[in-house]
């Protein structure tokens, strides 16, 4: 098996030598053997592990512990337990598929709700009643209102009242939030729909404005899930190769 110095590994992977040492310190790669002079000795296995780790860490999705699970796969592999790492990777792939289904289902629900058009029926509910009716906490309702997702009318006594149109809008927001779409992407979609009810929801909700932070907001949710799946498949292939080495 070939051996490499720290700088050689850094050049092959395309990272700084200090990053090589950091990965070792964090347990993301196997601990390197050392020469008598203290210099680290890396092998082809380290290169494969680096590639595995880099693929896993590309994921932009943070929800539902996905990032943590990716990190766990890296560390289990670095410890040499490839069988367990493969099992964890299959579980990771399964969750990614479920998240994708959730995201697409949320869009479908939104389209169905919008197809119903406005159905005002004189319904007026207070915030606590809405909270109980939709199973949403009052703090969540406040947060959505503070972020501009909903503008609620007030009675003469100052109390907020929610109409049937407000309820429908809240159902849309709830469906999208359950699928982990960001508040920014939901607001963008709602604003776009108010201008053009026939707009392509999937396109609007997954196309952030230039001023928006994609990684923080996770606005490109479906695209990010697709990329994460591709990375996970690469991880699985890499693990299988490492196991056979």
Protein backbone atom coordinates (compact mmCIF):
# COMPACT_ATOMS: atom_id res chain seq x y z
CA UNK A 1 0.00 0.00 0.00
CA UNK A 2 1.25 3.47 -0.86
CA UNK A 3 2.24 5.89 1.89
CA UNK A 4 1.98 9.66 1.96
CA UNK A 5 3.14 12.64 3.98
CA UNK A 6 0.73 15.22 5.39
CA UNK A 7 1.46 17.70 2.60
CA UNK A 8 0.99 15.02 -0.04
CA UNK A 9 -2.39 14.05 1.38
CA UNK A 10 -3.38 17.72 1.49
CA UNK A 11 -2.45 18.19 -2.18
CA UNK A 12 -4.32 15.06 -3.28
CA UNK A 13 -7.51 15.97 -1.42
CA UNK A 14 -7.21 19.71 -2.10
CA UNK A 15 -7.16 20.94 1.49
CA UNK A 16 -4.71 22.71 3.80
CA UNK A 17 -2.26 20.50 5.77
CA UNK A 18 -3.78 21.86 8.99
CA UNK A 19 -7.14 20.48 7.86
CA UNK A 20 -5.56 17.04 7.54
CA UNK A 21 -4.45 17.26 11.17
CA UNK A 22 -7.86 18.58 12.23
CA UNK A 23 -9.67 15.66 10.60
CA UNK A 24 -7.41 13.28 12.49
CA UNK A 25 -7.96 15.12 15.76
CA UNK A 26 -11.75 15.00 15.30
CA UNK A 27 -11.71 11.29 14.52
CA UNK A 28 -12.89 11.77 10.93
CA UNK A 29 -9.97 9.71 9.58
CA UNK A 30 -8.01 6.84 11.15
CA UNK A 31 -5.11 7.90 13.34
CA UNK A 32 -1.94 7.97 11.25
CA UNK A 33 1.15 5.96 12.11
CA UNK A 34 4.21 8.05 12.87
CA UNK A 35 7.86 7.75 11.98
CA UNK A 36 10.52 7.99 14.65
CA UNK A 37 10.85 11.70 13.91
CA UNK A 38 7.12 12.15 14.60
CA UNK A 39 6.03 12.68 11.00
CA UNK A 40 2.66 11.18 10.13
CA UNK A 41 2.39 8.35 7.61
CA UNK A 42 -0.85 8.14 5.65
CA UNK A 43 -2.06 5.39 3.33
CA UNK A 44 -4.50 4.86 0.46
CA UNK A 45 -7.12 4.02 3.09
CA UNK A 46 -6.77 7.54 4.49
CA UNK A 47 -7.36 8.98 1.03
CA UNK A 48 -10.58 6.97 0.67
CA UNK A 49 -11.71 8.04 4.14
CA UNK A 50 -11.01 11.68 3.30
CA UNK A 51 -13.12 11.37 0.16
CA UNK A 52 -15.90 9.75 2.17
CA UNK A 53 -15.81 12.53 4.76
CA UNK A 54 -15.73 15.30 2.17
CA UNK A 55 -18.77 13.82 0.40
CA UNK A 56 -20.69 13.48 3.68
CA UNK A 57 -19.90 17.03 4.76
CA UNK A 58 -21.12 18.56 1.50
CA UNK A 59 -24.69 18.15 2.68
CA UNK A 60 -26.45 21.47 3.34
CA UNK A 61 -29.43 19.92 5.06
CA UNK A 62 -29.50 20.21 8.83
CA UNK A 63 -33.02 19.11 9.71
CA UNK A 64 -34.03 15.98 11.58
CA UNK A 65 -30.49 15.04 12.53
CA UNK A 66 -29.29 14.40 8.96
CA UNK A 67 -26.02 16.27 9.48
CA UNK A 68 -25.40 14.41 12.72
CA UNK A 69 -26.06 11.07 11.03
CA UNK A 70 -23.60 11.90 8.25
CA UNK A 71 -20.96 12.74 10.86
CA UNK A 72 -21.64 9.46 12.63
CA UNK A 73 -21.07 7.50 9.41
CA UNK A 74 -17.70 9.21 8.99
CA UNK A 75 -16.55 8.45 12.51
CA UNK A 76 -17.72 4.83 12.47
CA UNK A 77 -15.88 4.32 9.18
CA UNK A 78 -12.76 6.04 10.54
CA UNK A 79 -12.82 3.55 13.43
CA UNK A 80 -12.69 0.73 10.86
CA UNK A 81 -16.23 -0.59 11.40
CA UNK A 82 -17.26 -0.62 7.75
CA UNK A 83 -20.18 -3.02 8.22
CA UNK A 84 -21.84 -0.71 10.73
CA UNK A 85 -21.02 2.34 8.57
CA UNK A 86 -22.78 0.68 5.61
CA UNK A 87 -25.86 -0.02 7.73
CA UNK A 88 -25.90 3.62 8.88
CA UNK A 89 -25.52 4.79 5.29
CA UNK A 90 -28.52 2.72 4.18
CA UNK A 91 -30.55 4.24 7.03
CA UNK A 92 -29.33 7.70 5.99
CA UNK A 93 -30.39 7.06 2.38
CA UNK A 94 -33.79 5.88 3.58
CA UNK A 95 -34.32 9.07 5.59
CA UNK A 96 -33.23 11.24 2.67
CA UNK A 97 -35.85 9.53 0.51
CA UNK A 98 -38.50 10.11 3.17
CA UNK A 99 -37.54 13.79 3.45
CA UNK A 100 -37.83 14.09 -0.34
CA UNK A 101 -41.28 12.49 -0.25
CA UNK A 102 -42.32 14.88 2.53
CA UNK A 103 -41.11 17.89 0.57
CA UNK A 104 -42.96 16.84 -2.58
CA UNK A 105 -46.09 15.92 -0.61
CA UNK A 106 -46.12 19.38 0.99
CA UNK A 107 -46.10 21.00 -2.44
CA UNK A 108 -48.95 18.74 -3.53
CA UNK A 109 -50.97 19.73 -0.44
CA UNK A 110 -50.34 23.40 -1.15
CA UNK A 111 -51.51 23.00 -4.74
CA UNK A 112 -54.70 21.28 -3.57
CA UNK A 113 -55.37 23.99 -1.00
CA UNK A 114 -54.81 26.70 -3.58
CA UNK A 115 -57.11 24.94 -6.05
CA UNK A 116 -59.85 25.32 -3.46
CA UNK A 117 -59.52 29.10 -3.94
CA UNK A 118 -60.92 31.43 -1.33
CA UNK A 119 -63.82 29.99 0.58
CA UNK A 120 -64.71 32.75 3.00
CA UNK A 121 -67.54 31.65 5.24
CA UNK A 122 -67.56 34.29 7.92
CA UNK A 123 -65.42 32.17 10.25
CA UNK A 124 -63.64 34.23 12.90
CA UNK A 125 -61.33 32.59 15.43
CA UNK A 126 -59.09 33.91 18.16
CA UNK A 127 -55.41 32.96 18.28
CA UNK A 128 -55.89 30.34 20.98
CA UNK A 129 -58.77 28.79 19.03
CA UNK A 130 -56.61 28.66 15.89
CA UNK A 131 -53.80 27.09 17.89
CA UNK A 132 -56.08 24.30 19.08
CA UNK A 133 -57.84 23.92 15.72
CA UNK A 134 -54.62 23.45 13.70
CA UNK A 135 -52.44 21.90 16.39
CA UNK A 136 -49.95 24.78 16.21
CA UNK A 137 -48.52 26.43 19.30
CA UNK A 138 -49.29 30.07 19.92
CA UNK A 139 -45.57 30.83 19.90
CA UNK A 140 -45.34 29.31 16.42
CA UNK A 141 -48.23 31.48 15.23
CA UNK A 142 -46.50 34.56 16.65
CA UNK A 143 -43.26 33.59 14.95
CA UNK A 144 -44.94 33.17 11.57
CA UNK A 145 -46.66 36.52 11.93
CA UNK A 146 -43.43 38.25 13.00
CA UNK A 147 -41.72 36.81 9.92
CA UNK A 148 -44.40 38.26 7.66
CA UNK A 149 -46.05 34.97 6.65
CA UNK A 150 -49.44 36.15 7.85
CA UNK A 151 -51.04 39.52 8.53
CA UNK A 152 -53.95 39.12 10.92
CA UNK A 153 -56.76 41.63 11.27
CA UNK A 154 -57.70 43.01 14.67
CA UNK A 155 -61.08 43.78 16.15
CA UNK A 156 -61.82 47.19 17.65
CA UNK A 157 -60.77 45.85 21.06
CA UNK A 158 -57.32 44.94 19.66
CA UNK A 159 -57.80 41.15 19.65
CA UNK A 160 -56.58 39.28 16.59
CA UNK A 161 -59.19 37.42 14.57
CA UNK A 162 -58.41 34.76 12.00
CA UNK A 163 -60.67 34.33 8.98
CA UNK A 164 -61.22 31.22 6.85
CA UNK A 165 -58.68 32.61 4.37
CA UNK A 166 -56.17 32.98 7.20
CA UNK A 167 -56.80 29.36 8.21
CA UNK A 168 -56.18 28.18 4.65
CA UNK A 169 -52.95 30.17 4.51
CA UNK A 170 -51.89 28.69 7.86
CA UNK A 171 -52.55 25.18 6.52
CA UNK A 172 -50.23 25.93 3.62
CA UNK A 173 -47.53 27.24 5.94
CA UNK A 174 -47.91 24.29 8.29
CA UNK A 175 -47.58 21.76 5.45
CA UNK A 176 -44.44 23.39 4.11
CA UNK A 177 -42.85 23.83 7.54
CA UNK A 178 -43.51 20.17 8.36
CA UNK A 179 -41.50 19.33 5.25
CA UNK A 180 -38.71 21.65 6.49
CA UNK A 181 -39.04 24.40 3.91
CA UNK A 182 -37.56 27.58 5.33
CA UNK A 183 -39.62 30.59 6.39
CA UNK A 184 -37.89 32.62 3.67
CA UNK A 185 -38.85 30.17 0.93
CA UNK A 186 -42.45 29.93 2.16
CA UNK A 187 -42.80 33.72 2.24
CA UNK A 188 -41.35 33.94 -1.27
CA UNK A 189 -43.86 31.35 -2.49
CA UNK A 190 -46.84 33.03 -0.79
CA UNK A 191 -45.89 36.41 -2.25
CA UNK A 192 -45.50 34.91 -5.72
CA UNK A 193 -48.85 33.10 -5.52
CA UNK A 194 -50.60 36.32 -4.51
CA UNK A 195 -49.40 37.84 -7.79
CA UNK A 196 -49.93 34.76 -10.00
CA UNK A 197 -52.10 31.93 -8.55
CA UNK A 198 -51.04 29.62 -11.41
CA UNK A 199 -47.33 29.95 -10.79
CA UNK A 200 -45.13 26.83 -10.57
CA UNK A 201 -44.82 26.38 -6.80
CA UNK A 202 -41.94 23.90 -6.95
CA UNK A 203 -39.92 26.33 -9.05
CA UNK A 204 -40.60 29.38 -6.87
CA UNK A 205 -40.03 27.70 -3.52
CA UNK A 206 -36.72 26.26 -4.68
CA UNK A 207 -35.30 29.39 -6.28
CA UNK A 208 -33.82 31.71 -3.62
CA UNK A 209 -33.23 35.37 -4.21
CA UNK A 210 -29.60 36.36 -4.65
CA UNK A 211 -29.66 38.12 -1.29
CA UNK A 212 -30.74 34.97 0.57
CA UNK A 213 -28.35 32.61 2.31
CA UNK A 214 -29.07 29.23 0.70
CA UNK A 215 -27.09 27.15 3.17
CA UNK A 216 -28.62 28.73 6.26
CA UNK A 217 -32.16 28.81 4.90
CA UNK A 218 -31.99 25.47 3.04
CA UNK A 219 -34.24 27.03 0.40
CA UNK A 220 -33.23 24.61 -2.35
CA UNK A 221 -34.61 21.76 -0.32
CA UNK A 222 -35.45 19.27 -3.08
CA UNK A 223 -32.20 19.99 -4.91
CA UNK A 224 -30.22 19.70 -1.68
CA UNK A 225 -31.90 16.37 -0.92
CA UNK A 226 -31.04 15.12 -4.40
CA UNK A 227 -27.41 16.17 -3.99
CA UNK A 228 -27.27 14.59 -0.53
CA UNK A 229 -28.55 11.32 -1.98
CA UNK A 230 -25.88 11.36 -4.70
CA UNK A 231 -23.22 12.00 -2.05
CA UNK A 232 -24.60 9.19 0.11
CA UNK A 233 -24.48 6.74 -2.80
CA UNK A 234 -20.84 7.73 -3.34
CA UNK A 235 -20.21 7.18 0.37
CA UNK A 236 -21.75 3.72 0.17
CA UNK A 237 -19.62 2.79 -2.84
CA UNK A 238 -16.50 4.10 -1.08
CA UNK A 239 -17.29 2.13 2.07
CA UNK A 240 -17.75 -1.05 0.06
CA UNK A 241 -14.36 -0.52 -1.57
CA UNK A 242 -12.72 0.21 1.80
CA UNK A 243 -14.25 -2.93 3.29
CA UNK A 244 -12.75 -5.07 0.53
CA UNK A 245 -9.30 -3.48 0.80
